[in-house]
Protein backbone atom coordinates (compact mmCIF):
# COMPACT_ATOMS: atom_id res chain seq x y z
CA MET A 1 -5.25 -15.79 6.60
CA THR A 2 -5.74 -13.82 3.38
CA LYS A 3 -3.91 -10.50 3.31
CA LEU A 4 -5.98 -7.54 4.53
CA LEU A 5 -5.68 -5.58 1.27
CA LEU A 6 -6.85 -8.57 -0.78
CA ARG A 7 -9.79 -9.07 1.57
CA ALA A 8 -10.90 -5.45 1.07
CA LEU A 9 -10.49 -5.77 -2.69
CA ALA A 10 -12.66 -8.91 -2.59
CA GLY A 11 -15.45 -6.79 -1.11
CA GLU A 12 -15.04 -7.48 2.59
CA SER A 13 -15.86 -4.73 5.10
CA LEU A 14 -13.13 -4.78 7.74
CA PRO A 15 -13.14 -3.22 11.22
CA THR A 16 -9.77 -1.64 10.44
CA PRO A 17 -9.00 -0.85 6.78
CA PRO A 18 -5.69 -1.83 5.22
CA ILE A 19 -3.36 1.17 4.76
CA TRP A 20 -0.80 2.24 2.18
CA MET A 21 0.13 5.59 0.63
CA MET A 22 0.66 6.77 -2.90
CA ARG A 23 4.36 7.66 -3.30
CA GLN A 24 5.11 6.02 0.04
CA ALA A 25 8.63 5.29 -1.25
CA GLY A 26 9.93 8.78 -1.83
CA ARG A 27 11.78 11.94 -0.98
CA TYR A 28 10.17 12.52 2.44
CA LEU A 29 12.23 9.57 3.74
CA PRO A 30 15.94 10.11 4.45
CA GLU A 31 16.69 6.50 3.58
CA TYR A 32 15.14 7.02 0.13
CA ARG A 33 17.27 10.11 -0.48
CA ALA A 34 20.39 8.14 0.44
CA THR A 35 19.52 5.31 -1.94
CA ARG A 36 18.68 7.69 -4.77
CA ALA A 37 22.04 9.38 -4.30
CA GLN A 38 23.65 5.95 -4.53
CA ALA A 39 21.81 5.29 -7.82
CA GLY A 40 22.97 8.61 -9.28
CA ASP A 41 19.70 9.80 -10.81
CA PHE A 42 16.00 8.97 -10.87
CA LEU A 43 15.93 6.82 -14.01
CA SER A 44 18.99 4.88 -12.91
CA LEU A 45 17.13 4.12 -9.67
CA CYS A 46 14.05 2.93 -11.60
CA TYR A 47 16.14 0.58 -13.73
CA ASN A 48 18.31 -0.84 -10.92
CA PRO A 49 16.27 -3.79 -9.58
CA ASP A 50 18.18 -4.10 -6.30
CA LEU A 51 17.93 -0.40 -5.47
CA ALA A 52 14.34 -0.06 -6.71
CA ALA A 53 13.37 -3.00 -4.52
CA GLU A 54 15.23 -1.43 -1.60
CA VAL A 55 13.30 1.86 -1.80
CA THR A 56 10.03 -0.08 -2.18
CA LEU A 57 10.82 -1.97 1.03
CA GLN A 58 11.92 1.07 3.06
CA PRO A 59 8.43 2.35 4.03
CA ILE A 60 7.33 -1.22 4.81
CA ARG A 61 10.18 -1.61 7.28
CA ARG A 62 9.57 1.80 8.83
CA PHE A 63 5.78 1.87 9.00
CA GLY A 64 4.43 -1.65 8.42
CA PHE A 65 2.03 -0.67 5.64
CA ASP A 66 -0.36 -3.37 4.45
CA ALA A 67 0.86 -3.00 0.86
CA ALA A 68 4.00 -2.10 -1.03
CA ILE A 69 3.75 -0.46 -4.43
CA LEU A 70 6.44 -1.15 -6.98
CA PHE A 71 8.92 1.73 -7.33
CA ALA A 72 8.89 2.80 -10.98
CA ASP A 73 7.44 5.66 -13.06
CA ILE A 74 4.50 5.90 -15.45
CA LEU A 75 6.79 7.32 -18.16
CA LEU A 76 8.87 4.15 -18.48
CA VAL A 77 6.23 2.85 -20.91
CA PRO A 78 6.67 5.77 -23.36
CA GLN A 79 10.43 5.25 -23.14
CA ALA A 80 9.98 1.55 -23.87
CA LEU A 81 7.88 2.52 -26.90
CA GLY A 82 10.81 4.55 -28.21
CA ALA A 83 10.26 8.05 -26.83
CA ASP A 84 13.26 9.90 -25.49
CA LEU A 85 12.90 10.47 -21.73
CA TRP A 86 14.97 12.51 -19.33
CA PHE A 87 14.43 14.37 -16.08
CA VAL A 88 15.34 18.00 -15.41
CA THR A 89 16.32 18.59 -11.78
CA GLY A 90 13.67 20.64 -10.02
CA GLU A 91 11.37 20.65 -13.05
CA GLY A 92 10.42 17.05 -13.75
CA PRO A 93 10.23 14.83 -16.83
CA ARG A 94 10.85 15.74 -20.46
CA LEU A 95 9.99 13.57 -23.46
CA SER A 96 10.28 13.72 -27.21
CA THR A 97 6.82 14.60 -28.50
CA VAL A 98 4.16 12.80 -30.52
CA THR A 99 2.14 15.35 -32.46
CA GLY A 100 1.54 13.77 -35.87
CA PRO A 101 1.55 10.56 -37.92
CA GLU A 102 5.30 10.78 -38.54
CA ASP A 103 5.91 10.66 -34.77
CA MET A 104 3.59 7.68 -34.41
CA ALA A 105 5.52 5.90 -37.14
CA ARG A 106 8.71 6.22 -35.10
CA LEU A 107 7.21 4.49 -32.04
CA LYS A 108 7.83 0.80 -31.51
CA PRO A 109 5.08 -1.81 -31.54
CA ALA A 110 3.68 -2.54 -28.09
CA THR A 111 5.07 -6.06 -28.28
CA GLU A 112 8.64 -4.68 -28.21
CA ILE A 113 8.52 -3.02 -24.78
CA HIS A 114 9.70 -5.92 -22.66
CA GLU A 115 13.45 -5.72 -23.25
CA ARG A 116 13.55 -2.14 -21.97
CA LEU A 117 11.25 -2.93 -19.05
CA ALA A 118 12.93 -6.18 -18.00
CA PRO A 119 14.60 -4.52 -14.97
CA VAL A 120 11.15 -3.51 -13.68
CA TYR A 121 9.98 -7.11 -13.85
CA GLU A 122 13.09 -8.18 -11.97
CA THR A 123 12.29 -5.63 -9.25
CA VAL A 124 8.85 -7.24 -8.90
CA ARG A 125 10.42 -10.69 -8.59
CA ILE A 126 12.77 -9.48 -5.85
CA LEU A 127 9.88 -7.89 -3.94
CA ALA A 128 7.72 -11.00 -4.27
CA ARG A 129 10.50 -12.89 -2.47
CA GLU A 130 11.44 -10.30 0.14
CA LEU A 131 8.21 -8.65 1.29
CA PRO A 132 6.72 -9.80 4.61
CA GLY A 133 4.09 -12.48 4.20
CA GLU A 134 1.25 -10.16 5.24
CA THR A 135 2.19 -7.37 2.80
CA THR A 136 0.47 -7.18 -0.59
CA LEU A 137 2.56 -6.27 -3.65
CA ILE A 138 0.96 -3.71 -5.97
CA GLY A 139 2.13 -3.18 -9.54
CA PHE A 140 1.02 -0.18 -11.56
CA ALA A 141 0.98 1.78 -14.79
CA GLY A 142 -0.28 5.14 -15.97
CA ALA A 143 -3.64 5.09 -17.71
CA PRO A 144 -3.50 5.85 -21.46
CA TRP A 145 -4.94 9.38 -21.33
CA THR A 146 -2.52 10.54 -18.65
CA VAL A 147 0.49 8.95 -20.35
CA ALA A 148 -0.59 10.47 -23.67
CA THR A 149 -0.71 13.97 -22.16
CA TYR A 150 3.01 13.72 -21.37
CA MET A 151 3.90 12.17 -24.71
CA ILE A 152 2.08 14.89 -26.67
CA ALA A 153 3.30 17.87 -24.64
CA GLY A 154 6.75 16.49 -23.85
CA ARG A 155 6.25 17.42 -20.21
CA GLY A 156 3.61 17.88 -17.55
CA THR A 157 1.19 20.75 -18.22
CA PRO A 158 -1.29 22.54 -15.94
CA ASP A 159 -4.33 21.97 -18.18
CA GLN A 160 -3.22 19.16 -20.55
CA GLY A 161 -3.79 21.71 -23.32
CA PRO A 162 -1.53 20.15 -26.00
CA ALA A 163 -3.27 16.77 -25.61
CA HIS A 164 -6.72 18.35 -25.85
CA LYS A 165 -5.60 20.26 -28.95
CA LEU A 166 -4.36 17.12 -30.70
CA LYS A 167 -7.51 15.24 -29.64
CA ASN A 168 -9.66 17.93 -31.23
CA GLN A 169 -7.57 18.65 -34.35
CA ASP A 170 -6.07 15.28 -35.34
CA ARG A 171 -8.30 12.59 -33.91
CA THR A 172 -6.63 9.89 -36.01
CA THR A 173 -3.17 10.45 -34.53
CA PHE A 174 -4.57 10.93 -31.04
CA THR A 175 -6.62 7.74 -31.03
CA ALA A 176 -3.70 5.79 -32.56
CA LEU A 177 -1.53 6.96 -29.66
CA ILE A 178 -4.16 6.02 -27.07
CA ASP A 179 -4.45 2.59 -28.68
CA ARG A 180 -0.66 2.04 -28.70
CA ILE A 181 -0.38 3.00 -25.03
CA THR A 182 -3.36 0.79 -24.17
CA GLU A 183 -1.79 -2.21 -25.89
CA ALA A 184 1.56 -1.60 -24.17
CA THR A 185 -0.09 -1.17 -20.77
CA ILE A 186 -1.87 -4.50 -21.04
CA LEU A 187 1.42 -6.24 -21.82
CA TYR A 188 3.34 -4.31 -19.13
CA LEU A 189 0.87 -5.02 -16.33
CA SER A 190 0.48 -8.64 -17.39
CA ALA A 191 4.25 -9.06 -17.14
CA GLN A 192 4.23 -7.48 -13.67
CA ILE A 193 1.55 -9.95 -12.60
CA GLU A 194 3.52 -12.88 -14.01
CA ALA A 195 6.56 -11.63 -12.04
CA GLY A 196 4.61 -11.60 -8.76
CA ALA A 197 2.38 -8.50 -8.46
CA GLU A 198 -0.79 -9.43 -6.55
CA VAL A 199 -2.76 -6.29 -7.42
CA VAL A 200 -2.31 -3.69 -10.16
CA LYS A 201 -3.35 -0.06 -10.22
CA LEU A 202 -4.04 2.30 -13.12
CA PHE A 203 -3.17 5.93 -12.40
CA ASP A 204 -5.22 8.34 -14.52
CA SER A 205 -3.88 11.47 -12.84
CA TRP A 206 -5.38 13.87 -15.41
CA ALA A 207 -8.75 12.14 -15.93
CA GLY A 208 -10.52 15.15 -14.44
CA SER A 209 -9.69 17.34 -17.45
CA LEU A 210 -11.76 15.07 -19.72
CA LYS A 211 -15.40 16.09 -19.95
CA GLY A 212 -18.57 14.52 -21.34
CA ALA A 213 -18.07 12.02 -24.15
CA ASP A 214 -14.30 12.49 -23.99
CA PHE A 215 -14.31 11.05 -20.45
CA ASP A 216 -16.18 8.01 -21.73
CA ASP A 217 -13.94 7.60 -24.77
CA PHE A 218 -10.53 8.26 -23.24
CA ALA A 219 -10.83 7.57 -19.48
CA VAL A 220 -13.51 4.87 -19.25
CA ALA A 221 -13.04 2.94 -22.51
CA PRO A 222 -9.23 2.37 -22.35
CA THR A 223 -9.48 1.43 -18.67
CA ARG A 224 -12.27 -1.03 -19.46
CA ARG A 225 -10.19 -2.51 -22.30
CA ILE A 226 -7.10 -2.92 -20.09
CA ILE A 227 -9.05 -4.48 -17.23
CA ALA A 228 -10.92 -6.89 -19.52
CA ALA A 229 -7.65 -8.06 -21.11
CA LEU A 230 -5.95 -8.50 -17.73
CA LYS A 231 -8.92 -10.35 -16.26
CA ASP A 232 -8.94 -12.63 -19.29
CA ARG A 233 -5.26 -13.49 -18.75
CA HIS A 234 -5.27 -13.38 -14.94
CA PRO A 235 -8.86 -13.93 -13.72
CA SER A 236 -8.08 -13.62 -10.02
CA ILE A 237 -6.06 -10.39 -10.13
CA PRO A 238 -7.72 -7.40 -8.41
CA ILE A 239 -7.42 -4.05 -10.19
CA ILE A 240 -7.61 -0.55 -8.68
CA ALA A 241 -8.51 2.37 -10.95
CA PHE A 242 -7.75 5.99 -10.05
CA PRO A 243 -9.51 8.49 -12.35
CA ARG A 244 -8.25 11.47 -10.35
CA GLU A 245 -10.59 14.48 -10.03
CA ALA A 246 -13.38 12.63 -11.81
CA GLY A 247 -15.93 14.20 -9.42
CA GLU A 248 -19.42 12.97 -10.23
CA ARG A 249 -17.92 10.57 -12.76
CA TYR A 250 -16.57 8.46 -9.90
CA ILE A 251 -20.18 7.26 -9.66
CA GLY A 252 -20.49 4.06 -11.68
CA PHE A 253 -16.81 4.01 -12.70
CA ALA A 254 -16.27 0.54 -11.22
CA ARG A 255 -19.30 -0.85 -13.05
CA ALA A 256 -18.30 0.80 -16.33
CA THR A 257 -14.70 -0.46 -16.28
CA GLY A 258 -14.72 -3.69 -14.29
CA ALA A 259 -12.39 -2.27 -11.63
CA ASP A 260 -12.44 -4.01 -8.26
CA CYS A 261 -11.73 -0.74 -6.45
CA VAL A 262 -11.97 2.96 -7.27
CA ALA A 263 -9.41 5.26 -5.69
CA ILE A 264 -10.74 8.75 -4.98
CA ASP A 265 -8.94 12.05 -4.54
CA ASN A 266 -9.59 14.48 -1.70
CA SER A 267 -11.79 16.85 -3.73
CA VAL A 268 -14.75 14.65 -2.78
CA SER A 269 -15.70 13.73 0.76
CA ALA A 270 -15.51 10.26 2.26
CA GLU A 271 -19.16 10.59 3.24
CA TRP A 272 -20.11 11.32 -0.38
CA ALA A 273 -18.03 8.36 -1.57
CA ALA A 274 -19.68 6.08 0.97
CA GLN A 275 -23.08 7.04 -0.42
CA HIS A 276 -22.31 7.12 -4.15
CA VAL A 277 -19.22 4.99 -4.89
CA GLN A 278 -18.82 2.36 -2.19
CA SER A 279 -22.14 0.75 -3.14
CA ASP A 280 -20.32 -0.66 -6.18
CA GLY A 281 -17.38 -2.09 -4.25
CA CYS A 282 -14.13 -1.13 -2.61
CA VAL A 283 -13.14 2.53 -2.26
CA GLN A 284 -9.56 3.65 -1.72
CA GLY A 285 -8.69 7.02 -0.18
CA ASN A 286 -8.82 9.82 0.50
CA MET A 287 -6.95 11.95 3.07
CA ASP A 288 -5.53 15.28 1.94
CA PRO A 289 -1.74 14.85 1.61
CA ARG A 290 -1.22 18.25 3.25
CA HIS A 291 -2.00 16.65 6.62
CA MET A 292 1.26 14.70 6.22
CA VAL A 293 3.03 18.07 6.36
CA THR A 294 1.01 19.88 9.01
CA GLY A 295 0.25 16.99 11.37
CA GLY A 296 -1.28 17.63 14.79
CA PRO A 297 -4.81 16.99 16.06
CA ALA A 298 -6.32 17.87 12.67
CA LEU A 299 -4.48 14.92 11.10
CA VAL A 300 -5.81 12.50 13.71
CA ALA A 301 -9.35 13.84 13.44
CA GLU A 302 -9.36 13.66 9.64
CA ALA A 303 -7.90 10.15 9.48
CA GLN A 304 -10.50 8.89 11.92
CA ARG A 305 -13.37 10.72 10.19
CA ILE A 306 -12.52 9.08 6.86
CA THR A 307 -12.10 5.67 8.46
CA ARG A 308 -15.47 5.90 10.18
CA ALA A 309 -17.25 7.33 7.12
CA LEU A 310 -16.20 4.39 4.95
CA ARG A 311 -16.45 1.66 7.57
CA GLY A 312 -19.79 0.45 6.22
CA GLY A 313 -18.19 -1.14 3.15
CA PRO A 314 -14.86 -2.28 1.72
CA HIS A 315 -12.23 0.44 2.18
CA ILE A 316 -8.49 0.83 1.71
CA PHE A 317 -7.15 3.85 3.59
CA ASN A 318 -4.89 6.03 1.46
CA LEU A 319 -4.19 9.64 0.63
CA GLY A 320 -6.13 11.50 -2.05
CA HIS A 321 -2.88 11.86 -4.01
CA GLY A 322 0.81 11.21 -3.44
CA ILE A 323 2.64 12.17 -0.26
CA THR A 324 4.78 15.27 -0.87
CA PRO A 325 8.56 15.58 -0.33
CA ASP A 326 8.07 18.07 2.54
CA ALA A 327 6.00 15.60 4.60
CA ASP A 328 7.18 14.58 8.07
CA PRO A 329 7.62 10.82 8.56
CA ALA A 330 6.36 11.26 12.14
CA ASN A 331 3.02 12.37 10.71
CA VAL A 332 2.78 9.17 8.66
CA ALA A 333 3.19 7.13 11.84
CA ALA A 334 0.53 9.28 13.55
CA MET A 335 -1.87 8.72 10.63
CA ILE A 336 -1.45 4.95 10.80
CA GLU A 337 -2.04 4.97 14.56
CA ALA A 338 -5.15 7.14 14.11
CA VAL A 339 -6.65 4.80 11.51
CA ARG A 340 -5.92 1.69 13.52
CA THR A 341 -7.49 3.13 16.67
CA ALA A 342 -10.49 4.82 15.03
């Protein structure tokens, strides 16, 4: 029998949706914390295929999710392009910045990323061998706009201000950077598919800060280009797009980009998505991650409300964003039970 997640992505409405969680391999699990300590630091964990595969498998063993998502980070692509990347404990990533043509000139061609990213492809190969037969393997990358915001600012920012400034003041450099990331992302995801990924997902975490024509030019157009290239190389591969906080722009996003599924955040309701987004195909989402911290009857009620609201079409149950480090693993088990008994 075809895997549940692949059936939903093919457009099938299922009585019980497949379930996985963004950041399901992570700090809320004690076994993850132990493995990360063994690796020494976050980047060492990302680049150690055996340990990265281990943390990817941990939530599958514990919870029996219908999919495993490759353990990696969206900023490995900038590093492979030649950006300096490091992580500051308690503060997050830092990168060397791209703010002008001289910085672009220092970046590598997209075709040169594979040597740096080879350990990631090996992680995918390990997972393709070791995952249970019913579990779908998801590869992923950051979408170009979101990756560019980090490369331009050198860190995460609350409003993506530095990227908007460069976009408005030096369009040539900005569009060259978007193009370079787009080219690299096509090659990176294609290599993940060749290594064994059965689905790939594009995370555009900061898509919501793009408005009007900028959303079309820098959220829709690069996603469409990536999907078209991947479908040309791998016609059967399903692709999930996540233009987080897109709001009304979720409507028609699948048609505009060729995505097989649109993941939605929890700023829109499941009922709204059923009416406006699910008519175009599979919807993934969208429980508020805070329920994984607070638990209780509200968690059960919310999980079942979302499941029922989206039951009329293809649906993959997920959170509206990543699970947080303060979440209780017991609440994850309760969520899964609630969805499967809704």
